[in-house]
Amino acid sequence: MSTLTLSAKPQRPWQPTFKTLIPDIFGALFTALATLAIVGISPLKGKLGFVIVLILMAIATTSVISWIRKDRKAALNSTSTVLVYVAAAFVIVPLASILWEIFTKGATGVSLNIFSNDMSATASDAPLTEGGLLHAIVGTVYLVFMASIISTPIGILTALYIVEVKGRLAGIVRFFVQAMSGIPSIVAGLFIYAVWVIGLRIVITQEQELPHLRS
């Protein structure tokens, strides 16, 4: 006896269709046209005015469409979504602009000579074809090597003290380790530069000037 099996087509209500995208398409067109009209009529001119009006119109349009479709919570959700996209754009656009400037203006100076030449006999305003990055590469290697020699034993001993020894000061040491892990390295570098480099330079300069003042 043969049995007939029917395979049901899976339902995907979350998948957008053309019918569900019609309000979004009209909303995008309305937002663009309304933004151009407001910028053309109102005193808000230029790129900044266009961006401000576009953001406000996008928030208003998406909120109204979501409110008509569902309810007030959906409208608030749409508003939050637009604000998240705007915040992401404010981060991505400057980053993309910086990367574009770096690649477009720095690509002309890329050659094999930059890894074998340094800036010892090259002026700061010389063309990109002169000089190289050898001094920076060697200095970076020195810094990484010296920092590794100093920090590796301290890190291993600190981990052994916290995990294995568990002394009376383990809690305090763990607190400082977690605090230093949360501080960006640039902040620590600026602190060291301000305290040790600038501070010691001022102290040494004052000590060198004292004998001249006394005499």
C-alpha atoms as a PDB file:
ATOM      1  CA  MET A   1       0.000   0.000   0.000  1.00  0.00           C
ATOM      2  CA  SER A   2       1.568   3.273  -1.094  1.00  0.00           C
ATOM      3  CA  THR A   3       1.257   6.418   0.929  1.00  0.00           C
ATOM      4  CA  LEU A   4       1.139   9.887  -0.567  1.00  0.00           C
ATOM      5  CA  THR A   5       3.299  12.437   1.218  1.00  0.00           C
ATOM      6  CA  LEU A   6       2.883  16.133   0.623  1.00  0.00           C
ATOM      7  CA  SER A   7       5.722  18.472   1.439  1.00  0.00           C
ATOM      8  CA  ALA A   8       4.448  21.776   2.738  1.00  0.00           C
ATOM      9  CA  LYS A   9       6.221  24.875   1.555  1.00  0.00           C
ATOM     10  CA  PRO A  10       7.868  26.604   4.516  1.00  0.00           C
ATOM     11  CA  GLN A  11       6.368  29.910   5.457  1.00  0.00           C
ATOM     12  CA  ARG A  12       8.664  32.903   5.820  1.00  0.00           C
ATOM     13  CA  PRO A  13       6.590  35.802   7.115  1.00  0.00           C
ATOM     14  CA  TRP A  14       9.741  37.769   7.918  1.00  0.00           C
ATOM     15  CA  GLN A  15      10.911  37.701   4.303  1.00  0.00           C
ATOM     16  CA  PRO A  16       9.991  40.983   2.588  1.00  0.00           C
ATOM     17  CA  THR A  17       7.939  40.929  -0.591  1.00  0.00           C
ATOM     18  CA  PHE A  18       7.208  43.609  -3.155  1.00  0.00           C
ATOM     19  CA  LYS A  19       3.810  44.248  -1.621  1.00  0.00           C
ATOM     20  CA  THR A  20       5.293  44.862   1.810  1.00  0.00           C
ATOM     21  CA  LEU A  21       8.045  47.051   0.365  1.00  0.00           C
ATOM     22  CA  ILE A  22       5.665  49.437  -1.409  1.00  0.00           C
ATOM     23  CA  PRO A  23       5.127  51.687   1.673  1.00  0.00           C
ATOM     24  CA  ASP A  24       8.876  51.771   2.307  1.00  0.00           C
ATOM     25  CA  ILE A  25       9.589  52.752  -1.311  1.00  0.00           C
ATOM     26  CA  PHE A  26       6.999  55.522  -1.246  1.00  0.00           C
ATOM     27  CA  GLY A  27       8.303  56.623   2.147  1.00  0.00           C
ATOM     28  CA  ALA A  28      11.872  56.876   0.806  1.00  0.00           C
ATOM     29  CA  LEU A  29      10.685  58.873  -2.233  1.00  0.00           C
ATOM     30  CA  PHE A  30       8.594  61.162  -0.040  1.00  0.00           C
ATOM     31  CA  THR A  31      11.531  61.697   2.319  1.00  0.00           C
ATOM     32  CA  ALA A  32      13.872  62.635  -0.530  1.00  0.00           C
ATOM     33  CA  LEU A  33      11.393  64.954  -2.261  1.00  0.00           C
ATOM     34  CA  ALA A  34      10.282  66.606   0.993  1.00  0.00           C
ATOM     35  CA  THR A  35      13.896  67.154   2.003  1.00  0.00           C
ATOM     36  CA  LEU A  36      14.716  68.830  -1.310  1.00  0.00           C
ATOM     37  CA  ALA A  37      11.585  70.988  -1.054  1.00  0.00           C
ATOM     38  CA  ILE A  38      12.282  72.077   2.530  1.00  0.00           C
ATOM     39  CA  VAL A  39      15.937  72.853   1.783  1.00  0.00           C
ATOM     40  CA  GLY A  40      14.907  74.838  -1.283  1.00  0.00           C
ATOM     41  CA  ILE A  41      12.293  76.895   0.554  1.00  0.00           C
ATOM     42  CA  SER A  42      13.631  77.224   4.097  1.00  0.00           C
ATOM     43  CA  PRO A  43      16.809  79.051   5.187  1.00  0.00           C
ATOM     44  CA  LEU A  44      18.519  75.678   5.772  1.00  0.00           C
ATOM     45  CA  LYS A  45      20.984  75.665   2.908  1.00  0.00           C
ATOM     46  CA  GLY A  46      24.115  73.732   2.145  1.00  0.00           C
ATOM     47  CA  LYS A  47      25.196  70.209   2.996  1.00  0.00           C
ATOM     48  CA  LEU A  48      24.662  70.567   6.741  1.00  0.00           C
ATOM     49  CA  GLY A  49      21.094  71.783   6.319  1.00  0.00           C
ATOM     50  CA  PHE A  50      20.352  69.004   3.847  1.00  0.00           C
ATOM     51  CA  VAL A  51      21.664  66.339   6.255  1.00  0.00           C
ATOM     52  CA  ILE A  52      19.696  67.734   9.210  1.00  0.00           C
ATOM     53  CA  VAL A  53      16.439  67.917   7.252  1.00  0.00           C
ATOM     54  CA  LEU A  54      17.011  64.453   5.769  1.00  0.00           C
ATOM     55  CA  ILE A  55      17.497  62.906   9.215  1.00  0.00           C
ATOM     56  CA  LEU A  56      14.397  64.589  10.634  1.00  0.00           C
ATOM     57  CA  MET A  57      12.268  63.637   7.620  1.00  0.00           C
ATOM     58  CA  ALA A  58      13.509  60.032   7.740  1.00  0.00           C
ATOM     59  CA  ILE A  59      12.604  59.752  11.419  1.00  0.00           C
ATOM     60  CA  ALA A  60       9.160  61.274  10.860  1.00  0.00           C
ATOM     61  CA  THR A  61       8.372  59.192   7.766  1.00  0.00           C
ATOM     62  CA  THR A  62       9.462  55.839   9.194  1.00  0.00           C
ATOM     63  CA  SER A  63       7.664  56.515  12.463  1.00  0.00           C
ATOM     64  CA  VAL A  64       4.379  57.378  10.707  1.00  0.00           C
ATOM     65  CA  ILE A  65       4.578  54.341   8.418  1.00  0.00           C
ATOM     66  CA  SER A  66       5.281  52.003  11.337  1.00  0.00           C
ATOM     67  CA  TRP A  67       2.481  53.569  13.381  1.00  0.00           C
ATOM     68  CA  ILE A  68       0.000  53.054  10.532  1.00  0.00           C
ATOM     69  CA  ARG A  69       1.163  49.495   9.947  1.00  0.00           C
ATOM     70  CA  LYS A  70       1.280  48.368  13.580  1.00  0.00           C
ATOM     71  CA  ASP A  71       1.246  50.557  16.677  1.00  0.00           C
ATOM     72  CA  ARG A  72       3.109  53.142  18.734  1.00  0.00           C
ATOM     73  CA  LYS A  73       5.803  50.688  19.869  1.00  0.00           C
ATOM     74  CA  ALA A  74       6.661  49.919  16.256  1.00  0.00           C
ATOM     75  CA  ALA A  75       6.958  53.649  15.585  1.00  0.00           C
ATOM     76  CA  LEU A  76       9.359  54.047  18.503  1.00  0.00           C
ATOM     77  CA  ASN A  77      11.322  51.056  17.251  1.00  0.00           C
ATOM     78  CA  SER A  78      11.601  52.629  13.790  1.00  0.00           C
ATOM     79  CA  THR A  79      12.766  55.900  15.310  1.00  0.00           C
ATOM     80  CA  SER A  80      15.450  54.082  17.293  1.00  0.00           C
ATOM     81  CA  THR A  81      16.539  52.193  14.175  1.00  0.00           C
ATOM     82  CA  VAL A  82      16.967  55.414  12.197  1.00  0.00           C
ATOM     83  CA  LEU A  83      18.959  56.983  15.024  1.00  0.00           C
ATOM     84  CA  VAL A  84      21.231  53.927  15.160  1.00  0.00           C
ATOM     85  CA  TYR A  85      21.828  54.160  11.406  1.00  0.00           C
ATOM     86  CA  VAL A  86      22.555  57.865  11.702  1.00  0.00           C
ATOM     87  CA  ALA A  87      25.048  57.256  14.522  1.00  0.00           C
ATOM     88  CA  ALA A  88      26.733  54.537  12.468  1.00  0.00           C
ATOM     89  CA  ALA A  89      26.934  56.895   9.485  1.00  0.00           C
ATOM     90  CA  PHE A  90      28.573  59.583  11.638  1.00  0.00           C
ATOM     91  CA  VAL A  91      31.272  57.030  12.515  1.00  0.00           C
ATOM     92  CA  ILE A  92      31.705  55.334   9.140  1.00  0.00           C
ATOM     93  CA  VAL A  93      31.717  58.433   6.915  1.00  0.00           C
ATOM     94  CA  PRO A  94      34.690  60.187   8.638  1.00  0.00           C
ATOM     95  CA  LEU A  95      36.564  56.887   8.784  1.00  0.00           C
ATOM     96  CA  ALA A  96      35.951  56.253   5.083  1.00  0.00           C
ATOM     97  CA  SER A  97      37.046  59.821   4.300  1.00  0.00           C
ATOM     98  CA  ILE A  98      40.282  59.385   6.243  1.00  0.00           C
ATOM     99  CA  LEU A  99      41.036  56.049   4.572  1.00  0.00           C
ATOM    100  CA  TRP A 100      40.287  57.548   1.158  1.00  0.00           C
ATOM    101  CA  GLU A 101      42.703  60.418   1.778  1.00  0.00           C
ATOM    102  CA  ILE A 102      45.378  58.022   3.004  1.00  0.00           C
ATOM    103  CA  PHE A 103      45.130  55.688   0.010  1.00  0.00           C
ATOM    104  CA  THR A 104      44.763  58.366  -2.654  1.00  0.00           C
ATOM    105  CA  LYS A 105      47.566  60.619  -1.410  1.00  0.00           C
ATOM    106  CA  GLY A 106      49.857  57.912  -0.063  1.00  0.00           C
ATOM    107  CA  ALA A 107      49.693  55.515  -2.992  1.00  0.00           C
ATOM    108  CA  THR A 108      52.037  57.702  -5.037  1.00  0.00           C
ATOM    109  CA  GLY A 109      54.806  57.290  -2.458  1.00  0.00           C
ATOM    110  CA  VAL A 110      54.642  53.497  -2.176  1.00  0.00           C
ATOM    111  CA  SER A 111      57.769  51.816  -3.523  1.00  0.00           C
ATOM    112  CA  LEU A 112      60.364  49.283  -2.464  1.00  0.00           C
ATOM    113  CA  ASN A 113      62.756  52.065  -1.459  1.00  0.00           C
ATOM    114  CA  ILE A 114      60.638  53.045   1.547  1.00  0.00           C
ATOM    115  CA  PHE A 115      61.762  49.856   3.323  1.00  0.00           C
ATOM    116  CA  SER A 116      65.491  50.441   2.694  1.00  0.00           C
ATOM    117  CA  ASN A 117      65.891  54.235   3.012  1.00  0.00           C
ATOM    118  CA  ASP A 118      65.470  56.530   6.000  1.00  0.00           C
ATOM    119  CA  MET A 119      64.960  60.266   6.529  1.00  0.00           C
ATOM    120  CA  SER A 120      68.483  61.073   7.762  1.00  0.00           C
ATOM    121  CA  ALA A 121      69.450  62.924   4.577  1.00  0.00           C
ATOM    122  CA  THR A 122      65.935  63.940   3.491  1.00  0.00           C
ATOM    123  CA  ALA A 123      64.097  67.149   4.305  1.00  0.00           C
ATOM    124  CA  SER A 124      60.587  67.065   5.747  1.00  0.00           C
ATOM    125  CA  ASP A 125      59.154  68.832   2.686  1.00  0.00           C
ATOM    126  CA  ALA A 126      60.900  66.572   0.171  1.00  0.00           C
ATOM    127  CA  PRO A 127      58.856  64.639  -2.413  1.00  0.00           C
ATOM    128  CA  LEU A 128      57.438  61.260  -1.491  1.00  0.00           C
ATOM    129  CA  THR A 129      59.923  59.545  -3.792  1.00  0.00           C
ATOM    130  CA  GLU A 130      62.800  60.548  -1.468  1.00  0.00           C
ATOM    131  CA  GLY A 131      63.532  58.971   1.896  1.00  0.00           C
ATOM    132  CA  GLY A 132      61.824  55.989   3.469  1.00  0.00           C
ATOM    133  CA  LEU A 133      60.455  54.317   6.574  1.00  0.00           C
ATOM    134  CA  LEU A 134      63.515  52.368   7.661  1.00  0.00           C
ATOM    135  CA  HIS A 135      64.056  54.521  10.765  1.00  0.00           C
ATOM    136  CA  ALA A 136      60.417  54.077  11.819  1.00  0.00           C
ATOM    137  CA  ILE A 137      60.544  50.313  11.261  1.00  0.00           C
ATOM    138  CA  VAL A 138      63.759  49.930  13.258  1.00  0.00           C
ATOM    139  CA  GLY A 139      62.434  52.156  16.043  1.00  0.00           C
ATOM    140  CA  THR A 140      59.190  50.174  16.240  1.00  0.00           C
ATOM    141  CA  VAL A 141      61.138  46.913  16.461  1.00  0.00           C
ATOM    142  CA  TYR A 142      63.286  48.366  19.267  1.00  0.00           C
ATOM    143  CA  LEU A 143      60.240  49.546  21.199  1.00  0.00           C
ATOM    144  CA  VAL A 144      58.397  46.237  20.846  1.00  0.00           C
ATOM    145  CA  PHE A 145      61.496  44.256  21.811  1.00  0.00           C
ATOM    146  CA  MET A 146      62.250  46.364  24.883  1.00  0.00           C
ATOM    147  CA  ALA A 147      58.599  46.448  25.966  1.00  0.00           C
ATOM    148  CA  SER A 148      58.359  42.652  25.597  1.00  0.00           C
ATOM    149  CA  ILE A 149      61.501  42.111  27.677  1.00  0.00           C
ATOM    150  CA  ILE A 150      60.145  44.328  30.458  1.00  0.00           C
ATOM    151  CA  SER A 151      56.461  43.350  30.407  1.00  0.00           C
ATOM    152  CA  THR A 152      56.622  39.579  29.797  1.00  0.00           C
ATOM    153  CA  PRO A 153      58.304  38.586  33.112  1.00  0.00           C
ATOM    154  CA  ILE A 154      56.119  41.033  35.041  1.00  0.00           C
ATOM    155  CA  GLY A 155      52.960  39.661  33.417  1.00  0.00           C
ATOM    156  CA  ILE A 156      53.906  36.026  34.079  1.00  0.00           C
ATOM    157  CA  LEU A 157      54.819  36.713  37.708  1.00  0.00           C
ATOM    158  CA  THR A 158      51.608  38.701  38.218  1.00  0.00           C
ATOM    159  CA  ALA A 159      49.493  35.866  36.816  1.00  0.00           C
ATOM    160  CA  LEU A 160      51.255  33.319  39.034  1.00  0.00           C
ATOM    161  CA  TYR A 161      50.776  35.533  42.083  1.00  0.00           C
ATOM    162  CA  ILE A 162      47.055  36.002  41.419  1.00  0.00           C
ATOM    163  CA  VAL A 163      46.216  32.410  40.399  1.00  0.00           C
ATOM    164  CA  GLU A 164      48.714  30.177  42.173  1.00  0.00           C
ATOM    165  CA  VAL A 165      50.075  32.043  45.193  1.00  0.00           C
ATOM    166  CA  LYS A 166      46.868  33.930  46.059  1.00  0.00           C
ATOM    167  CA  GLY A 167      48.565  36.206  48.536  1.00  0.00           C
ATOM    168  CA  ARG A 168      46.997  38.875  50.684  1.00  0.00           C
ATOM    169  CA  LEU A 169      47.441  41.503  47.991  1.00  0.00           C
ATOM    170  CA  ALA A 170      45.959  39.338  45.216  1.00  0.00           C
ATOM    171  CA  GLY A 171      42.695  41.295  45.238  1.00  0.00           C
ATOM    172  CA  ILE A 172      44.458  44.645  44.941  1.00  0.00           C
ATOM    173  CA  VAL A 173      46.740  43.343  42.184  1.00  0.00           C
ATOM    174  CA  ARG A 174      43.736  41.930  40.288  1.00  0.00           C
ATOM    175  CA  PHE A 175      41.957  45.270  40.626  1.00  0.00           C
ATOM    176  CA  PHE A 176      44.895  47.174  39.129  1.00  0.00           C
ATOM    177  CA  VAL A 177      45.280  44.595  36.357  1.00  0.00           C
ATOM    178  CA  GLN A 178      41.625  44.947  35.379  1.00  0.00           C
ATOM    179  CA  ALA A 179      41.837  48.738  35.605  1.00  0.00           C
ATOM    180  CA  MET A 180      44.927  48.887  33.412  1.00  0.00           C
ATOM    181  CA  SER A 181      43.358  46.460  30.931  1.00  0.00           C
ATOM    182  CA  GLY A 182      40.409  48.810  30.475  1.00  0.00           C
ATOM    183  CA  ILE A 183      42.580  51.893  29.840  1.00  0.00           C
ATOM    184  CA  PRO A 184      43.533  52.443  26.191  1.00  0.00           C
ATOM    185  CA  SER A 185      47.243  52.302  25.487  1.00  0.00           C
ATOM    186  CA  ILE A 186      47.208  55.834  24.081  1.00  0.00           C
ATOM    187  CA  VAL A 187      46.082  57.157  27.496  1.00  0.00           C
ATOM    188  CA  ALA A 188      48.930  55.341  29.237  1.00  0.00           C
ATOM    189  CA  GLY A 189      51.360  56.633  26.610  1.00  0.00           C
ATOM    190  CA  LEU A 190      50.199  60.217  27.070  1.00  0.00           C
ATOM    191  CA  PHE A 191      50.492  59.867  30.851  1.00  0.00           C
ATOM    192  CA  ILE A 192      54.046  58.551  30.595  1.00  0.00           C
ATOM    193  CA  TYR A 193      54.951  61.272  28.094  1.00  0.00           C
ATOM    194  CA  ALA A 194      53.506  64.031  30.280  1.00  0.00           C
ATOM    195  CA  VAL A 195      54.973  62.785  33.573  1.00  0.00           C
ATOM    196  CA  TRP A 196      58.293  61.259  32.599  1.00  0.00           C
ATOM    197  CA  VAL A 197      59.373  62.921  29.357  1.00  0.00           C
ATOM    198  CA  ILE A 198      58.097  66.488  29.842  1.00  0.00           C
ATOM    199  CA  GLY A 199      58.329  66.413  33.644  1.00  0.00           C
ATOM    200  CA  LEU A 200      61.879  65.064  33.759  1.00  0.00           C
ATOM    201  CA  ARG A 201      62.960  67.413  30.986  1.00  0.00           C
ATOM    202  CA  ILE A 202      61.733  70.416  32.996  1.00  0.00           C
ATOM    203  CA  VAL A 203      63.442  69.145  36.152  1.00  0.00           C
ATOM    204  CA  ILE A 204      66.713  68.479  34.355  1.00  0.00           C
ATOM    205  CA  THR A 205      66.580  71.882  32.659  1.00  0.00           C
ATOM    206  CA  GLN A 206      66.004  73.623  36.000  1.00  0.00           C
ATOM    207  CA  GLU A 207      68.876  71.744  37.622  1.00  0.00           C
ATOM    208  CA  GLN A 208      71.169  72.721  34.776  1.00  0.00           C
ATOM    209  CA  GLU A 209      70.167  76.387  35.064  1.00  0.00           C
ATOM    210  CA  LEU A 210      70.607  76.610  38.863  1.00  0.00           C
ATOM    211  CA  PRO A 211      74.464  76.725  38.846  1.00  0.00           C
ATOM    212  CA  HIS A 212      74.385  79.514  36.255  1.00  0.00           C
ATOM    213  CA  LEU A 213      71.902  81.496  38.349  1.00  0.00           C
ATOM    214  CA  ARG A 214      73.951  81.064  41.508  1.00  0.00           C
ATOM    215  CA  SER A 215      77.113  82.188  39.801  1.00  0.00           C
END
